[in-house]
Protein backbone atom coordinates (compact mmCIF):
# COMPACT_ATOMS: atom_id res chain seq x y z
CA MET A 1 0.00 0.00 0.00
CA ARG A 2 2.79 2.34 0.93
CA ALA A 3 4.58 1.50 -2.33
CA PHE A 4 1.36 2.11 -4.26
CA THR A 5 0.90 5.49 -2.54
CA ARG A 6 4.47 6.40 -3.33
CA ARG A 7 3.93 5.52 -6.99
CA VAL A 8 0.74 7.61 -7.10
CA VAL A 9 2.47 10.58 -5.47
CA ASN A 10 5.43 10.26 -7.79
CA THR A 11 3.13 10.03 -10.80
CA PHE A 12 1.22 13.08 -9.57
CA LEU A 13 4.42 15.06 -9.04
CA MET A 14 5.75 14.06 -12.45
CA THR A 15 2.47 15.13 -14.04
CA CYS A 16 2.63 18.46 -12.23
CA LEU A 17 6.21 18.98 -13.37
CA LEU A 18 5.25 18.23 -16.96
CA LEU A 19 2.31 20.61 -16.75
CA VAL A 20 4.43 23.35 -15.21
CA ALA A 21 7.15 22.83 -17.80
CA GLY A 22 4.58 22.94 -20.57
CA ALA A 23 2.98 26.05 -19.12
CA ALA A 24 6.35 27.75 -18.75
CA HIS A 25 7.22 26.92 -22.34
CA ALA A 26 3.84 28.19 -23.61
CA ALA A 27 3.73 31.19 -21.30
CA SER A 28 5.22 33.53 -23.86
CA PRO A 29 4.65 32.22 -27.38
CA VAL A 30 4.95 35.64 -29.04
CA LEU A 31 8.07 36.69 -27.13
CA ASP A 32 9.68 33.29 -27.79
CA ARG A 33 9.07 33.65 -31.52
CA VAL A 34 10.40 37.24 -31.60
CA VAL A 35 13.59 36.29 -29.75
CA GLU A 36 14.21 33.06 -31.64
CA GLN A 37 13.62 34.55 -35.11
CA GLY A 38 15.16 37.93 -34.29
CA VAL A 39 12.29 39.88 -35.86
CA LEU A 40 9.54 42.04 -34.34
CA ARG A 41 6.54 42.27 -36.69
CA VAL A 42 4.49 45.40 -36.05
CA GLY A 43 1.15 45.97 -37.77
CA MET A 44 0.37 49.51 -38.97
CA SER A 45 -2.03 51.10 -41.44
CA VAL A 46 0.72 53.48 -42.71
CA ASP A 47 -2.05 56.01 -43.35
CA GLN A 48 -2.50 57.81 -40.04
CA PRO A 49 -0.25 60.88 -39.96
CA PRO A 50 1.39 61.87 -37.65
CA PHE A 51 1.27 58.35 -36.18
CA ASN A 52 2.37 56.47 -39.30
CA MET A 53 2.69 57.39 -42.99
CA ARG A 54 4.98 57.38 -46.03
CA ASN A 55 7.14 60.36 -46.93
CA ARG A 56 8.25 61.41 -50.42
CA LYS A 57 11.03 58.84 -50.32
CA LYS A 58 8.43 56.11 -49.69
CA GLU A 59 9.87 55.61 -46.21
CA ILE A 60 7.45 54.73 -43.40
CA VAL A 61 7.74 57.36 -40.69
CA GLY A 62 5.81 58.73 -37.73
CA PHE A 63 5.36 58.57 -33.98
CA ASP A 64 4.30 54.92 -34.01
CA VAL A 65 7.22 54.01 -36.28
CA ASP A 66 9.76 55.60 -33.95
CA LEU A 67 8.18 53.84 -30.98
CA ALA A 68 8.24 50.48 -32.78
CA ARG A 69 11.89 51.02 -33.71
CA ALA A 70 12.76 51.82 -30.09
CA LEU A 71 11.07 48.62 -28.93
CA ALA A 72 12.89 46.50 -31.51
CA THR A 73 16.19 48.10 -30.54
CA ALA A 74 15.54 47.40 -26.87
CA MET A 75 14.79 43.75 -27.72
CA GLN A 76 17.88 43.61 -29.97
CA VAL A 77 15.86 42.33 -32.92
CA LYS A 78 15.05 43.57 -36.42
CA LEU A 79 11.90 45.64 -36.98
CA GLU A 80 9.47 44.52 -39.68
CA ILE A 81 6.48 46.78 -40.32
CA VAL A 82 3.50 44.82 -41.61
CA GLU A 83 1.31 47.22 -43.59
CA MET A 84 -2.43 46.55 -43.66
CA PRO A 85 -5.78 48.41 -43.56
CA PHE A 86 -6.65 49.72 -40.10
CA GLY A 87 -9.72 47.49 -39.92
CA GLU A 88 -7.59 44.33 -40.26
CA LEU A 89 -5.11 45.02 -37.45
CA LEU A 90 -6.81 43.05 -34.68
CA ASP A 91 -7.64 40.17 -37.04
CA ALA A 92 -3.95 40.01 -38.00
CA LEU A 93 -2.92 39.79 -34.34
CA GLN A 94 -5.34 36.98 -33.66
CA ALA A 95 -4.22 35.14 -36.80
CA GLY A 96 -0.53 35.45 -35.90
CA ARG A 97 0.38 37.67 -38.86
CA ALA A 98 1.82 40.34 -36.53
CA ASP A 99 3.35 40.33 -33.06
CA MET A 100 1.83 43.68 -32.09
CA ALA A 101 -0.09 46.56 -33.60
CA ILE A 102 0.94 50.18 -33.04
CA SER A 103 -1.35 52.29 -35.18
CA GLY A 104 -3.18 54.95 -33.20
CA LEU A 105 -5.32 52.27 -31.54
CA THR A 106 -7.59 53.48 -28.76
CA ILE A 107 -7.83 51.14 -25.77
CA THR A 108 -11.49 50.14 -25.48
CA PRO A 109 -13.40 47.39 -23.65
CA GLU A 110 -14.61 45.93 -26.96
CA ARG A 111 -11.09 45.63 -28.37
CA THR A 112 -9.70 44.34 -25.08
CA ARG A 113 -12.11 41.41 -25.31
CA ARG A 114 -10.18 40.34 -28.42
CA VAL A 115 -6.56 41.33 -27.66
CA SER A 116 -4.44 42.70 -24.82
CA PHE A 117 -3.23 46.30 -24.60
CA VAL A 118 -0.09 47.82 -23.12
CA GLY A 119 -0.03 51.52 -22.36
CA PRO A 120 -1.25 54.08 -22.96
CA TYR A 121 1.79 55.56 -24.67
CA THR A 122 -0.03 58.82 -25.45
CA LEU A 123 -3.48 60.40 -25.34
CA SER A 124 -5.66 61.55 -28.19
CA GLY A 125 -9.26 62.59 -28.68
CA LYS A 126 -12.04 62.88 -31.22
CA SER A 127 -13.05 66.00 -33.10
CA ILE A 128 -14.88 66.92 -36.29
CA LEU A 129 -13.29 68.36 -39.42
CA THR A 130 -15.68 70.28 -41.63
CA THR A 131 -15.73 73.39 -43.79
CA ALA A 132 -14.83 76.65 -42.10
CA ARG A 133 -18.30 77.97 -42.98
CA ILE A 134 -20.05 75.15 -41.13
CA ALA A 135 -17.59 75.27 -38.22
CA GLN A 136 -18.42 78.94 -37.67
CA VAL A 137 -22.16 78.35 -37.25
CA VAL A 138 -22.22 74.91 -35.56
CA GLN A 139 -21.96 75.08 -31.79
CA SER A 140 -21.89 71.39 -30.87
CA ALA A 141 -21.39 67.92 -32.33
CA GLU A 142 -25.09 67.14 -31.80
CA GLU A 143 -25.97 69.60 -34.56
CA PHE A 144 -24.44 67.13 -37.02
CA ASN A 145 -27.03 64.54 -35.95
CA ASP A 146 -29.25 65.12 -38.97
CA ASP A 147 -30.21 62.81 -41.84
CA GLN A 148 -29.11 65.50 -44.31
CA VAL A 149 -25.55 65.49 -42.94
CA ARG A 150 -22.95 63.20 -44.55
CA ILE A 151 -20.04 62.11 -42.34
CA VAL A 152 -16.99 59.93 -43.01
CA ALA A 153 -15.03 57.92 -40.45
CA LEU A 154 -12.38 55.23 -40.61
CA GLU A 155 -13.77 51.71 -40.83
CA LYS A 156 -13.71 49.73 -37.54
CA SER A 157 -12.33 52.75 -35.67
CA THR A 158 -13.55 54.44 -32.50
CA SER A 159 -14.44 57.39 -34.75
CA GLU A 160 -16.88 55.19 -36.65
CA ARG A 161 -18.31 53.99 -33.36
CA PHE A 162 -18.57 57.59 -32.14
CA VAL A 163 -20.74 58.54 -35.11
CA GLN A 164 -22.91 55.44 -34.70
CA ARG A 165 -23.53 56.20 -31.03
CA ARG A 166 -23.59 60.00 -30.89
CA LEU A 167 -24.83 60.92 -34.38
CA PRO A 168 -27.12 58.04 -35.42
CA GLU A 169 -29.30 60.21 -37.68
CA ALA A 170 -26.39 61.34 -39.87
CA PHE A 171 -25.43 59.40 -42.99
CA LEU A 172 -22.20 57.54 -42.19
CA HIS A 173 -19.77 56.58 -44.94
CA SER A 174 -17.01 54.29 -43.64
CA ILE A 175 -13.64 54.72 -45.34
CA ALA A 176 -10.60 52.47 -45.67
CA ASN A 177 -8.06 55.28 -45.19
CA TYR A 178 -7.89 58.92 -44.16
CA ASN A 179 -6.77 60.25 -47.54
CA GLU A 180 -10.01 58.98 -49.05
CA GLY A 181 -12.07 60.80 -46.42
CA ILE A 182 -10.17 64.07 -46.72
CA GLN A 183 -10.58 64.07 -50.49
CA MET A 184 -14.32 63.47 -50.11
CA LEU A 185 -14.54 66.41 -47.72
CA VAL A 186 -12.43 68.74 -49.87
CA THR A 187 -14.50 67.95 -52.99
CA GLY A 188 -17.81 68.42 -51.18
CA GLU A 189 -18.96 64.79 -51.31
CA VAL A 190 -19.41 64.83 -47.52
CA ASP A 191 -19.96 67.49 -44.88
CA ALA A 192 -17.59 66.36 -42.14
CA MET A 193 -15.00 63.82 -41.02
CA VAL A 194 -14.65 62.43 -37.49
CA ALA A 195 -11.13 61.39 -36.45
CA ASP A 196 -8.40 61.94 -33.86
CA LEU A 197 -7.63 65.62 -33.36
CA HIS A 198 -3.95 65.19 -34.34
CA ILE A 199 -5.00 63.78 -37.72
CA LEU A 200 -7.55 66.53 -38.33
CA LYS A 201 -5.08 69.30 -37.48
CA LEU A 202 -2.63 67.85 -39.99
CA ALA A 203 -5.32 67.69 -42.69
CA LYS A 204 -6.13 71.35 -42.12
CA LEU A 205 -2.44 72.29 -42.41
CA ARG A 206 -1.94 70.24 -45.58
CA TYR A 207 -4.95 71.80 -47.32
CA PRO A 208 -4.74 75.49 -46.35
CA ASP A 209 -6.85 76.63 -49.32
CA ALA A 210 -9.67 74.14 -48.81
CA GLY A 211 -11.45 76.26 -46.20
CA LEU A 212 -11.49 73.56 -43.52
CA GLY A 213 -12.32 74.10 -39.86
CA ILE A 214 -12.19 71.97 -36.71
CA LEU A 215 -14.97 71.87 -34.18
CA GLU A 216 -13.66 72.94 -30.76
CA PRO A 217 -13.23 71.72 -28.08
CA GLN A 218 -12.32 68.10 -28.76
CA LEU A 219 -15.10 65.65 -28.04
CA SER A 220 -13.26 62.98 -26.03
CA VAL A 221 -9.99 61.96 -24.43
CA GLU A 222 -8.76 58.54 -25.54
CA PRO A 223 -5.75 56.45 -24.43
CA LEU A 224 -3.72 54.94 -27.29
CA GLY A 225 -2.02 51.62 -26.63
CA ILE A 226 0.03 48.81 -28.11
CA ALA A 227 -2.18 45.86 -29.04
CA ILE A 228 -0.74 42.36 -28.62
CA PRO A 229 -2.22 38.85 -28.79
CA GLY A 230 -3.88 37.75 -25.58
CA GLY A 231 -2.47 35.08 -23.32
CA ASP A 232 1.16 36.21 -23.27
CA PRO A 233 1.74 37.83 -19.85
CA GLN A 234 5.54 37.78 -20.15
CA PHE A 235 5.49 39.67 -23.45
CA GLU A 236 2.96 42.10 -21.98
CA ASN A 237 5.12 42.63 -18.89
CA LEU A 238 8.22 43.25 -20.99
CA LEU A 239 6.47 45.89 -23.10
CA ARG A 240 5.01 47.57 -20.02
CA ASN A 241 8.50 47.86 -18.53
CA TYR A 242 9.90 49.25 -21.77
CA LEU A 243 7.16 51.91 -21.99
CA LEU A 244 7.80 52.92 -18.39
CA ALA A 245 11.53 53.21 -19.09
CA PHE A 246 10.89 55.20 -22.30
CA GLU A 247 8.69 57.64 -20.39
CA GLN A 248 11.12 58.10 -17.52
CA ALA A 249 14.12 58.43 -19.85
CA GLY A 250 12.36 61.15 -21.82
CA LEU A 251 11.97 59.25 -25.11
CA LEU A 252 8.17 59.38 -25.26
CA PRO A 253 8.04 63.11 -24.37
CA ARG A 254 10.58 63.77 -27.15
CA LEU A 255 8.49 61.80 -29.65
CA ARG A 256 5.34 63.70 -28.70
CA ALA A 257 7.16 67.00 -29.17
CA ALA A 258 8.65 65.92 -32.51
CA TRP A 259 5.43 64.64 -34.07
CA PHE A 260 2.62 66.55 -32.32
CA GLU A 261 4.16 69.97 -31.67
CA ASN A 262 6.81 70.41 -34.38
CA ASN A 263 5.27 70.56 -37.87
CA SER A 264 8.51 70.68 -39.87
CA TRP A 265 8.11 67.02 -40.96
CA ILE A 266 5.00 67.95 -42.99
CA ALA A 267 7.30 69.26 -45.73
CA THR A 268 8.60 65.70 -46.28
CA LEU A 269 5.15 64.33 -47.21
CA PRO A 270 4.08 63.73 -50.83
């Protein structure tokens, strides 16, 4: 009996050890892949200036790009930017086509049900870009809640959700990229565009003769974070530590100043 008990205990302990070993090995599948292959794959739309975009030399630049490069450097791996439409970013994470997404992604409960977030690394907020004539007479966002008003917003974005919730009577046209929406606004196809304030300010600067205006004050404050696949606490912990170090070392403040306050980089755009 004692020998039987010993065998049972030993079997139980061996099973526990195997389970623990398996759990330890599977505890960080994304981080293991990044380290072993020496490549950090970061999903971006490459169409969200000043967060990410292409300059005249076809180089991908922006706040998110510099942050991704800093993370890859800290991990001592190569950076690979995986370009895709904004609406496909979370699907790509879940399918394993990217290790993280840094693309002006607002941290929301709905998105956090699908992926994990680290951050925020900066704050943003919604506003409305329209013609200067309309901006002068409209006093609040609610005045756009009319079935005669045509609004564009990025597909699967918090801007799209904002229009659906706050302006349900307006006609919503979902767009694949911001350039499409800005062109529709400039040519008079739509009356307004809802997006992050940083993006709208840039659009106004890039089209000084289009008579565009921004509704003030901004309509929300939103935390932007790094999206990663769920179930990888070690990878999440590593990124959280890096962001904390970047903030304390002054890197993130410098990036905010370079991309949100200094407009000299606009001259490098197509």
